[in-house]
Structure formats: structure tokens, C-alpha cells
Amino acid sequence: MKKSRFTEEQIVGILKESDAGVSNKEICRKYGISDGTFYKWRAKYGGMQVNDVRKMRSMEEENATLKRILGQKELEIAAMKAVLEKKW
């Protein structure tokens, strides 16, 4: 996945400018982003504060770790079942 030029904190700041009354076209021109990018950001980060974004990022990292652990355990269970099903 392509790395963004902007951090989540910067994105929240840009969206707050929009809430303050600056037009969306002007913001897009100022920061060099497309309208689509701006609306995706607004859909994902709209109404969030900086600490909310940090909390969301930490929860996403924790979720990824838990998914990785679960995947490993499922592989171990499948291997154990395969061993137990064999007739010796």
C-alpha cells in the first residue's frame, strides 16, 4: 500500500480547516490533493480529534497482532488434527 504524504494528525488538521469555513476546492489546491482524496479522508476521519486518531491507530495495530496470533493457532490446530487422523 502506498504511504501517504500526510500523517493522520495532519489530515485531521486539514479537515478542521474545512470545518472552519475554507472551501474544499481551496484546501485541495493548497495541499495538492484530489477531491476524491479529500472526501475519503472526510469519510474516515471526519469529526475525529487527534487523540481519537492515535487511539484508532493503536487499536488497529493490536487487532493486526491478534489476527496474526489467531492464524498461527489455527494452523497449529489443523496440523494436530492431521496428525491425529493418521492411522499408525
Protein backbone atom coordinates (compact mmCIF):
# COMPACT_ATOMS: atom_id res chain seq x y z
CA MET A 1 0.00 0.00 0.00
CA LYS A 2 1.29 3.45 -0.89
CA LYS A 3 2.45 5.58 2.02
CA SER A 4 0.59 8.86 2.43
CA ARG A 5 2.41 12.17 2.37
CA PHE A 6 0.33 13.28 5.33
CA THR A 7 0.11 11.82 8.82
CA GLU A 8 -3.27 11.20 10.40
CA GLU A 9 -2.73 14.21 12.67
CA GLN A 10 -2.11 16.43 9.63
CA ILE A 11 -5.20 15.04 7.92
CA VAL A 12 -7.34 15.90 10.96
CA GLY A 13 -5.88 19.43 10.87
CA ILE A 14 -6.73 19.78 7.18
CA LEU A 15 -10.29 18.61 7.82
CA LYS A 16 -10.62 21.13 10.66
CA GLU A 17 -9.72 23.88 8.18
CA SER A 18 -12.63 22.73 6.07
CA ASP A 19 -14.92 22.83 9.10
CA ALA A 20 -13.72 26.39 9.80
CA GLY A 21 -15.21 27.53 6.50
CA VAL A 22 -12.44 27.25 3.92
CA SER A 23 -13.78 25.83 0.65
CA ASN A 24 -12.94 22.26 -0.25
CA LYS A 25 -11.51 23.27 -3.64
CA GLU A 26 -9.16 25.75 -1.99
CA ILE A 27 -7.96 23.17 0.53
CA CYS A 28 -7.33 20.62 -2.22
CA ARG A 29 -5.34 23.16 -4.21
CA LYS A 30 -3.38 24.34 -1.14
CA TYR A 31 -2.28 20.84 -0.10
CA GLY A 32 -2.06 19.30 -3.58
CA ILE A 33 -4.67 16.59 -3.07
CA SER A 34 -7.57 15.48 -5.23
CA ASP A 35 -11.23 15.94 -4.41
CA GLY A 36 -11.59 12.18 -4.06
CA THR A 37 -8.80 12.02 -1.52
CA PHE A 38 -10.35 14.83 0.48
CA TYR A 39 -13.75 13.12 0.59
CA LYS A 40 -12.18 9.75 1.55
CA TRP A 41 -10.37 11.48 4.39
CA ARG A 42 -13.56 13.17 5.50
CA ALA A 43 -15.41 9.84 5.46
CA LYS A 44 -12.69 8.14 7.53
CA TYR A 45 -11.51 10.91 9.86
CA GLY A 46 -14.43 13.35 9.89
CA GLY A 47 -15.34 14.55 13.38
CA MET A 48 -12.26 13.00 15.00
CA GLN A 49 -9.75 14.65 17.27
CA VAL A 50 -6.02 13.93 17.16
CA ASN A 51 -6.15 11.70 20.24
CA ASP A 52 -9.02 9.71 18.66
CA VAL A 53 -6.84 9.04 15.63
CA ARG A 54 -3.94 7.88 17.80
CA LYS A 55 -6.28 5.58 19.72
CA MET A 56 -7.67 4.20 16.45
CA ARG A 57 -4.15 3.52 15.14
CA SER A 58 -3.15 1.66 18.32
CA MET A 59 -6.34 -0.41 18.16
CA GLU A 60 -5.64 -1.29 14.52
CA GLU A 61 -2.12 -2.44 15.44
CA GLU A 62 -3.47 -4.53 18.31
CA ASN A 63 -6.12 -6.04 16.04
CA ALA A 64 -3.48 -7.00 13.46
CA THR A 65 -1.41 -8.68 16.18
CA LEU A 66 -4.40 -10.63 17.45
CA LYS A 67 -5.31 -11.75 13.92
CA ARG A 68 -1.75 -12.97 13.37
CA ILE A 69 -1.83 -14.92 16.65
CA LEU A 70 -5.21 -16.44 15.78
CA GLY A 71 -3.94 -17.51 12.36
CA GLN A 72 -0.94 -19.23 13.91
CA LYS A 73 -3.13 -21.07 16.42
CA GLU A 74 -5.50 -22.22 13.68
CA LEU A 75 -2.53 -23.62 11.73
CA GLU A 76 -1.32 -25.47 14.81
CA ILE A 77 -4.80 -26.93 15.41
CA ALA A 78 -5.07 -28.06 11.79
CA ALA A 79 -1.64 -29.72 11.98
CA MET A 80 -2.57 -31.52 15.21
CA LYS A 81 -5.82 -32.77 13.66
CA ALA A 82 -3.94 -34.05 10.63
CA VAL A 83 -1.50 -35.96 12.87
CA LEU A 84 -4.29 -37.43 14.99
CA GLU A 85 -6.30 -38.57 11.98
CA LYS A 86 -3.46 -40.72 10.66
CA LYS A 87 -3.65 -44.40 11.45
CA TRP A 88 -0.35 -45.69 12.70
